[in-house]
Each structure stands twice: as C-alpha cells, then as structure tokens.
Amino acid sequence: MQLAGLLLVIGLGLGSRSRLAHSLPPWLAEYAGDTLWALMVFLGVGLVFPSWSTCRVAVVALAFAFAIEFSQLYQGQWLQSLRQNRIGALVLGRGFLWSDLLCYTVGVLMGVGAEGITRMIRDRGRKAERSGSH
C-alpha cells in the first residue's frame, strides 16, 4: 500500500510539472510540485525504514528536503551540470527559494496527517473486529 501511495505521489508530482499544470489554479501549479516532492521523500523514508516512528520519519524527511534546498545556495560547476539534467533538476532543484521550505513542511505534514488518519482507521477496524468476535 505504501509503495502504491509513493508511486501515486510521484505521478502527481510529475504531472504538476507538465503541461497539465496549466489547467490548475496558478497558486496550486506554483507550489504543488515542491509540496508533493516533500511528501514523496516522507513516503520514501517511511518505506525504507518501516519500523521508525512517524515523528522520526518526518524529521528525517524534512531535514533531507531542507538540506537539498540549502544546497541550492552552492553554485559549484559540477553541481550546476547535474542540475541541467531533467532528473538532476527534479531531485536537486535549481535555485533556493524560501517558499520551498514552507512547501516541504506542508508536504511532510500531509504525510504525517495521512499516516495518522490511516492508523486511526486501522485501529477502529481492529477494535470492531475484537468486539465482534466476543
């Protein structure tokens, strides 16, 4: 299920950077990609480290996203050449923006919220299962 969610978020994120984004409201087209990128990082960290708490996954994902954003302040030639590649640009970004830090925070918080909702639904199902079996 987590992998499916991760793939869905990647698809939505790529879509937000395509021509389809022109049909979105301007503010959503502007910020959706960065927000979904951070959500993807959150889901990826959770997938690689399934035993970690949601809080730990969130902190690591946010630290990673912030580190990538702050790395954009460094303009070394080798890093700039990586950013010229489409995949390099999608992963490393092109230029530092303070608004991206907000987008990353929102994206990770979306993951935390989705995980909380999922856990609540799963716990209710287990509780109902136990109640029905007595």
N, C-alpha and C. Protein backbone atom coordinates (compact mmCIF):
# COMPACT_ATOMS: atom_id res chain seq x y z
N MET A 1 0.83 -1.19 0.00
CA MET A 1 0.00 0.00 0.00
C MET A 1 0.87 1.26 0.00
N GLN A 2 1.96 1.25 0.78
CA GLN A 2 2.84 2.42 0.83
C GLN A 2 3.49 2.67 -0.52
N LEU A 3 3.89 1.61 -1.19
CA LEU A 3 4.52 1.76 -2.49
C LEU A 3 3.54 2.36 -3.49
N ALA A 4 2.29 1.92 -3.43
CA ALA A 4 1.27 2.47 -4.33
C ALA A 4 1.08 3.97 -4.07
N GLY A 5 1.06 4.35 -2.81
CA GLY A 5 0.94 5.77 -2.46
C GLY A 5 2.13 6.57 -2.96
N LEU A 6 3.32 5.99 -2.82
CA LEU A 6 4.53 6.66 -3.28
C LEU A 6 4.49 6.86 -4.80
N LEU A 7 4.10 5.82 -5.52
CA LEU A 7 4.01 5.92 -6.99
C LEU A 7 2.95 6.94 -7.42
N LEU A 8 1.84 6.98 -6.69
CA LEU A 8 0.80 7.96 -6.99
C LEU A 8 1.31 9.38 -6.80
N VAL A 9 2.01 9.61 -5.70
CA VAL A 9 2.55 10.94 -5.42
C VAL A 9 3.59 11.34 -6.47
N ILE A 10 4.43 10.39 -6.88
CA ILE A 10 5.41 10.68 -7.94
C ILE A 10 4.69 11.08 -9.23
N GLY A 11 3.66 10.33 -9.58
CA GLY A 11 2.88 10.65 -10.79
C GLY A 11 2.23 12.02 -10.70
N LEU A 12 1.65 12.33 -9.56
CA LEU A 12 1.03 13.64 -9.38
C LEU A 12 2.08 14.75 -9.44
N GLY A 13 3.23 14.49 -8.81
CA GLY A 13 4.30 15.49 -8.82
C GLY A 13 4.82 15.76 -10.22
N LEU A 14 5.03 14.71 -11.00
CA LEU A 14 5.47 14.89 -12.38
C LEU A 14 4.39 15.60 -13.20
N GLY A 15 3.15 15.25 -12.94
CA GLY A 15 2.05 15.92 -13.62
C GLY A 15 1.99 17.40 -13.30
N SER A 16 2.36 17.75 -12.08
CA SER A 16 2.33 19.16 -11.68
C SER A 16 3.41 19.97 -12.39
N ARG A 17 4.38 19.29 -12.98
CA ARG A 17 5.45 19.97 -13.72
C ARG A 17 5.27 19.84 -15.23
N SER A 18 4.14 19.29 -15.64
CA SER A 18 3.90 19.10 -17.07
C SER A 18 2.95 20.17 -17.61
N ARG A 19 2.58 20.02 -18.85
CA ARG A 19 1.63 20.96 -19.46
C ARG A 19 0.26 20.90 -18.80
N LEU A 20 -0.04 19.78 -18.15
CA LEU A 20 -1.32 19.65 -17.46
C LEU A 20 -1.47 20.67 -16.34
N ALA A 21 -0.36 21.13 -15.80
CA ALA A 21 -0.38 22.07 -14.69
C ALA A 21 -1.03 23.39 -15.09
N HIS A 22 -1.06 23.70 -16.37
CA HIS A 22 -1.67 24.95 -16.82
C HIS A 22 -3.17 25.00 -16.54
N SER A 23 -3.77 23.82 -16.34
CA SER A 23 -5.20 23.78 -16.05
C SER A 23 -5.49 23.95 -14.55
N LEU A 24 -4.44 23.97 -13.74
CA LEU A 24 -4.60 24.15 -12.30
C LEU A 24 -4.65 25.63 -11.95
N PRO A 25 -5.24 25.96 -10.79
CA PRO A 25 -5.15 27.36 -10.34
C PRO A 25 -3.68 27.74 -10.21
N PRO A 26 -3.32 28.98 -10.51
CA PRO A 26 -1.91 29.38 -10.52
C PRO A 26 -1.14 29.07 -9.23
N TRP A 27 -1.75 29.31 -8.06
CA TRP A 27 -1.04 29.05 -6.80
C TRP A 27 -0.78 27.56 -6.62
N LEU A 28 -1.71 26.72 -7.07
CA LEU A 28 -1.52 25.27 -6.95
C LEU A 28 -0.45 24.79 -7.92
N ALA A 29 -0.47 25.30 -9.14
CA ALA A 29 0.55 24.93 -10.12
C ALA A 29 1.94 25.35 -9.63
N GLU A 30 2.00 26.49 -8.95
CA GLU A 30 3.28 27.02 -8.48
C GLU A 30 3.89 26.17 -7.35
N TYR A 31 3.06 25.70 -6.43
CA TYR A 31 3.58 25.07 -5.22
C TYR A 31 3.35 23.56 -5.10
N ALA A 32 2.53 23.00 -5.95
CA ALA A 32 2.19 21.57 -5.84
C ALA A 32 3.42 20.67 -5.99
N GLY A 33 4.28 20.96 -6.95
CA GLY A 33 5.43 20.09 -7.20
C GLY A 33 6.35 19.98 -6.00
N ASP A 34 6.66 21.10 -5.38
CA ASP A 34 7.56 21.08 -4.22
C ASP A 34 6.90 20.40 -3.01
N THR A 35 5.61 20.64 -2.84
CA THR A 35 4.88 20.02 -1.74
C THR A 35 4.82 18.51 -1.92
N LEU A 36 4.52 18.08 -3.15
CA LEU A 36 4.46 16.65 -3.43
C LEU A 36 5.84 16.00 -3.37
N TRP A 37 6.88 16.75 -3.73
CA TRP A 37 8.25 16.23 -3.64
C TRP A 37 8.57 15.89 -2.19
N ALA A 38 8.22 16.77 -1.27
CA ALA A 38 8.48 16.51 0.15
C ALA A 38 7.64 15.35 0.66
N LEU A 39 6.40 15.25 0.20
CA LEU A 39 5.56 14.11 0.57
C LEU A 39 6.18 12.82 0.06
N MET A 40 6.73 12.85 -1.16
CA MET A 40 7.40 11.68 -1.72
C MET A 40 8.60 11.29 -0.85
N VAL A 41 9.36 12.27 -0.40
CA VAL A 41 10.51 11.99 0.47
C VAL A 41 10.03 11.35 1.76
N PHE A 42 8.97 11.89 2.36
CA PHE A 42 8.40 11.32 3.58
C PHE A 42 7.99 9.86 3.36
N LEU A 43 7.27 9.61 2.29
CA LEU A 43 6.83 8.24 1.99
C LEU A 43 8.01 7.32 1.72
N GLY A 44 9.01 7.83 1.01
CA GLY A 44 10.20 7.03 0.71
C GLY A 44 10.97 6.66 1.96
N VAL A 45 11.15 7.61 2.86
CA VAL A 45 11.85 7.33 4.12
C VAL A 45 11.06 6.30 4.92
N GLY A 46 9.74 6.47 4.96
CA GLY A 46 8.89 5.51 5.69
C GLY A 46 8.93 4.12 5.08
N LEU A 47 9.06 4.06 3.78
CA LEU A 47 9.13 2.76 3.09
C LEU A 47 10.47 2.07 3.37
N VAL A 48 11.54 2.84 3.37
CA VAL A 48 12.88 2.27 3.61
C VAL A 48 13.07 1.90 5.08
N PHE A 49 12.45 2.67 5.97
CA PHE A 49 12.59 2.42 7.42
C PHE A 49 11.22 2.23 8.06
N PRO A 50 10.56 1.10 7.79
CA PRO A 50 9.18 0.91 8.27
C PRO A 50 9.03 0.83 9.78
N SER A 51 10.10 0.54 10.50
CA SER A 51 9.98 0.43 11.96
C SER A 51 10.11 1.79 12.66
N TRP A 52 10.48 2.82 11.92
CA TRP A 52 10.63 4.14 12.53
C TRP A 52 9.27 4.74 12.87
N SER A 53 9.26 5.56 13.89
CA SER A 53 8.04 6.28 14.26
C SER A 53 7.73 7.33 13.19
N THR A 54 6.49 7.73 13.13
CA THR A 54 6.09 8.78 12.19
C THR A 54 6.88 10.05 12.43
N CYS A 55 7.09 10.38 13.68
CA CYS A 55 7.84 11.59 14.02
C CYS A 55 9.27 11.52 13.49
N ARG A 56 9.92 10.39 13.67
CA ARG A 56 11.29 10.23 13.19
C ARG A 56 11.36 10.32 11.66
N VAL A 57 10.42 9.67 11.00
CA VAL A 57 10.37 9.73 9.54
C VAL A 57 10.18 11.18 9.10
N ALA A 58 9.29 11.91 9.76
CA ALA A 58 9.02 13.30 9.41
C ALA A 58 10.27 14.17 9.60
N VAL A 59 10.96 13.99 10.70
CA VAL A 59 12.16 14.80 10.97
C VAL A 59 13.24 14.52 9.92
N VAL A 60 13.46 13.25 9.61
CA VAL A 60 14.49 12.89 8.62
C VAL A 60 14.09 13.41 7.24
N ALA A 61 12.83 13.23 6.87
CA ALA A 61 12.37 13.70 5.55
C ALA A 61 12.51 15.22 5.44
N LEU A 62 12.12 15.93 6.48
CA LEU A 62 12.21 17.38 6.45
C LEU A 62 13.66 17.85 6.44
N ALA A 63 14.51 17.19 7.21
CA ALA A 63 15.94 17.54 7.21
C ALA A 63 16.55 17.31 5.83
N PHE A 64 16.19 16.21 5.19
CA PHE A 64 16.69 15.92 3.85
C PHE A 64 16.22 16.99 2.86
N ALA A 65 14.92 17.30 2.90
CA ALA A 65 14.36 18.29 1.97
C ALA A 65 15.00 19.66 2.19
N PHE A 66 15.17 20.06 3.44
CA PHE A 66 15.80 21.35 3.73
C PHE A 66 17.26 21.35 3.28
N ALA A 67 17.96 20.23 3.48
CA ALA A 67 19.36 20.16 3.06
C ALA A 67 19.48 20.31 1.54
N ILE A 68 18.58 19.68 0.80
CA ILE A 68 18.59 19.82 -0.66
C ILE A 68 18.34 21.28 -1.04
N GLU A 69 17.39 21.91 -0.38
CA GLU A 69 17.08 23.30 -0.71
C GLU A 69 18.27 24.22 -0.40
N PHE A 70 18.86 24.05 0.77
CA PHE A 70 20.01 24.89 1.11
C PHE A 70 21.22 24.59 0.23
N SER A 71 21.30 23.36 -0.30
CA SER A 71 22.40 23.05 -1.21
C SER A 71 22.32 23.88 -2.49
N GLN A 72 21.16 24.40 -2.79
CA GLN A 72 20.98 25.21 -3.99
C GLN A 72 21.67 26.57 -3.87
N LEU A 73 22.08 26.92 -2.68
CA LEU A 73 22.85 28.15 -2.49
C LEU A 73 24.28 27.98 -3.00
N TYR A 74 24.72 26.73 -3.09
CA TYR A 74 26.06 26.44 -3.60
C TYR A 74 25.96 26.30 -5.12
N GLN A 75 26.78 27.02 -5.83
CA GLN A 75 26.69 27.05 -7.29
C GLN A 75 27.92 26.44 -7.97
N GLY A 76 28.51 25.41 -7.37
CA GLY A 76 29.67 24.76 -7.97
C GLY A 76 29.36 24.25 -9.37
N GLN A 77 30.33 24.29 -10.24
CA GLN A 77 30.13 23.90 -11.64
C GLN A 77 29.63 22.46 -11.76
N TRP A 78 30.21 21.53 -11.01
CA TRP A 78 29.80 20.12 -11.11
C TRP A 78 28.34 19.96 -10.68
N LEU A 79 27.91 20.72 -9.67
CA LEU A 79 26.53 20.62 -9.21
C LEU A 79 25.58 21.29 -10.21
N GLN A 80 26.02 22.38 -10.79
CA GLN A 80 25.22 23.05 -11.82
C GLN A 80 25.02 22.15 -13.03
N SER A 81 26.04 21.39 -13.39
CA SER A 81 25.90 20.49 -14.53
C SER A 81 24.91 19.37 -14.22
N LEU A 82 24.88 18.90 -12.98
CA LEU A 82 23.88 17.90 -12.59
C LEU A 82 22.47 18.49 -12.68
N ARG A 83 22.33 19.74 -12.28
CA ARG A 83 21.02 20.39 -12.28
C ARG A 83 20.52 20.68 -13.69
N GLN A 84 21.39 20.66 -14.68
CA GLN A 84 20.97 20.88 -16.06
C GLN A 84 20.21 19.67 -16.62
N ASN A 85 20.47 18.50 -16.05
CA ASN A 85 19.78 17.27 -16.42
C ASN A 85 18.38 17.30 -15.80
N ARG A 86 17.38 16.81 -16.51
CA ARG A 86 15.98 16.83 -16.02
C ARG A 86 15.86 16.13 -14.67
N ILE A 87 16.43 14.95 -14.54
CA ILE A 87 16.34 14.21 -13.27
C ILE A 87 17.10 14.96 -12.17
N GLY A 88 18.27 15.47 -12.51
CA GLY A 88 19.03 16.25 -11.54
C GLY A 88 18.26 17.46 -11.06
N ALA A 89 17.57 18.12 -11.96
CA ALA A 89 16.76 19.29 -11.58
C ALA A 89 15.58 18.89 -10.70
N LEU A 90 14.95 17.75 -11.01
CA LEU A 90 13.81 17.30 -10.20
C LEU A 90 14.25 16.93 -8.79
N VAL A 91 15.42 16.33 -8.66
CA VAL A 91 15.90 15.90 -7.34
C VAL A 91 16.57 17.04 -6.58
N LEU A 92 17.44 17.78 -7.26
CA LEU A 92 18.27 18.79 -6.59
C LEU A 92 17.71 20.21 -6.69
N GLY A 93 16.75 20.43 -7.55
CA GLY A 93 16.22 21.77 -7.73
C GLY A 93 17.20 22.65 -8.50
N ARG A 94 16.79 23.88 -8.71
CA ARG A 94 17.64 24.78 -9.49
C ARG A 94 18.06 26.01 -8.71
N GLY A 95 17.21 26.54 -7.88
CA GLY A 95 17.54 27.76 -7.16
C GLY A 95 16.84 27.81 -5.82
N PHE A 96 17.50 28.40 -4.85
CA PHE A 96 16.96 28.48 -3.49
C PHE A 96 15.76 29.41 -3.45
N LEU A 97 14.69 28.94 -2.81
CA LEU A 97 13.50 29.76 -2.55
C LEU A 97 13.01 29.50 -1.14
N TRP A 98 12.79 30.57 -0.40
CA TRP A 98 12.26 30.40 0.96
C TRP A 98 10.90 29.72 0.93
N SER A 99 10.11 30.00 -0.08
CA SER A 99 8.77 29.40 -0.16
C SER A 99 8.84 27.88 -0.27
N ASP A 100 9.92 27.36 -0.84
CA ASP A 100 10.06 25.90 -0.93
C ASP A 100 10.13 25.26 0.45
N LEU A 101 10.75 25.95 1.40
CA LEU A 101 10.83 25.40 2.76
C LEU A 101 9.43 25.24 3.35
N LEU A 102 8.56 26.19 3.07
CA LEU A 102 7.18 26.08 3.52
C LEU A 102 6.47 24.93 2.81
N CYS A 103 6.69 24.81 1.51
CA CYS A 103 6.09 23.71 0.75
C CYS A 103 6.54 22.35 1.30
N TYR A 104 7.82 22.24 1.62
CA TYR A 104 8.35 20.98 2.15
C TYR A 104 7.71 20.66 3.50
N THR A 105 7.55 21.68 4.31
CA THR A 105 6.92 21.47 5.62
C THR A 105 5.48 21.00 5.44
N VAL A 106 4.75 21.64 4.54
CA VAL A 106 3.37 21.24 4.26
C VAL A 106 3.31 19.81 3.71
N GLY A 107 4.21 19.47 2.80
CA GLY A 107 4.23 18.12 2.23
C GLY A 107 4.48 17.05 3.28
N VAL A 108 5.44 17.29 4.16
CA VAL A 108 5.73 16.32 5.22
C VAL A 108 4.55 16.25 6.19
N LEU A 109 3.95 17.38 6.52
CA LEU A 109 2.79 17.37 7.41
C LEU A 109 1.60 16.65 6.77
N MET A 110 1.47 16.72 5.46
CA MET A 110 0.44 15.94 4.77
C MET A 110 0.67 14.45 4.98
N GLY A 111 1.93 14.03 4.90
CA GLY A 111 2.26 12.63 5.14
C GLY A 111 1.97 12.22 6.57
N VAL A 112 2.32 13.07 7.51
CA VAL A 112 2.04 12.78 8.93
C VAL A 112 0.53 12.67 9.13
N GLY A 113 -0.22 13.60 8.56
CA GLY A 113 -1.68 13.57 8.70
C GLY A 113 -2.29 12.33 8.06
N ALA A 114 -1.83 11.99 6.86
CA ALA A 114 -2.35 10.79 6.18
C ALA A 114 -2.03 9.54 6.98
N GLU A 115 -0.84 9.49 7.55
CA GLU A 115 -0.48 8.32 8.36
C GLU A 115 -1.33 8.25 9.61
N GLY A 116 -1.59 9.39 10.22
CA GLY A 116 -2.45 9.43 11.41
C GLY A 116 -3.86 8.96 11.10
N ILE A 117 -4.40 9.42 9.99
CA ILE A 117 -5.75 9.01 9.58
C ILE A 117 -5.78 7.52 9.28
N THR A 118 -4.77 7.03 8.57
CA THR A 118 -4.68 5.61 8.24
C THR A 118 -4.62 4.76 9.51
N ARG A 119 -3.79 5.20 10.47
CA ARG A 119 -3.66 4.47 11.73
C ARG A 119 -4.99 4.47 12.49
N MET A 120 -5.68 5.60 12.51
CA MET A 120 -6.96 5.69 13.21
C MET A 120 -7.99 4.74 12.59
N ILE A 121 -8.04 4.70 11.26
CA ILE A 121 -8.98 3.81 10.59
C ILE A 121 -8.62 2.35 10.87
N ARG A 122 -7.33 2.03 10.81
CA ARG A 122 -6.89 0.66 11.07
C ARG A 122 -7.20 0.25 12.50
N ASP A 123 -6.97 1.16 13.45
CA ASP A 123 -7.25 0.85 14.86
C ASP A 123 -8.74 0.66 15.12
N ARG A 124 -9.57 1.46 14.47
CA ARG A 124 -11.02 1.29 14.62
C ARG A 124 -11.46 -0.06 14.07
N GLY A 125 -10.87 -0.44 12.93
CA GLY A 125 -11.20 -1.74 12.34
C GLY A 125 -10.81 -2.88 13.25
N ARG A 126 -9.64 -2.78 13.87
CA ARG A 126 -9.21 -3.83 14.80
C ARG A 126 -10.10 -3.88 16.03
N LYS A 127 -10.48 -2.70 16.52
CA LYS A 127 -11.35 -2.64 17.69
C LYS A 127 -12.71 -3.25 17.37
N ALA A 128 -13.24 -2.94 16.20
CA ALA A 128 -14.51 -3.50 15.79
C ALA A 128 -14.42 -5.01 15.59
N GLU A 129 -13.28 -5.46 15.09
CA GLU A 129 -13.06 -6.90 14.88
C GLU A 129 -13.05 -7.63 16.22
N ARG A 130 -12.36 -7.05 17.19
CA ARG A 130 -12.31 -7.67 18.54
C ARG A 130 -13.68 -7.67 19.20
N SER A 131 -14.43 -6.59 19.04
CA SER A 131 -15.75 -6.50 19.65
C SER A 131 -16.70 -7.51 19.04
N GLY A 132 -16.60 -7.74 17.77
CA GLY A 132 -17.48 -8.67 17.06
C GLY A 132 -17.15 -10.11 17.32
N SER A 133 -15.93 -10.40 17.77
CA SER A 133 -15.54 -11.80 17.94
C SER A 133 -15.87 -12.34 19.33
N HIS A 134 -16.35 -11.49 20.25
CA HIS A 134 -16.66 -11.96 21.61
C HIS A 134 -18.06 -12.35 21.72
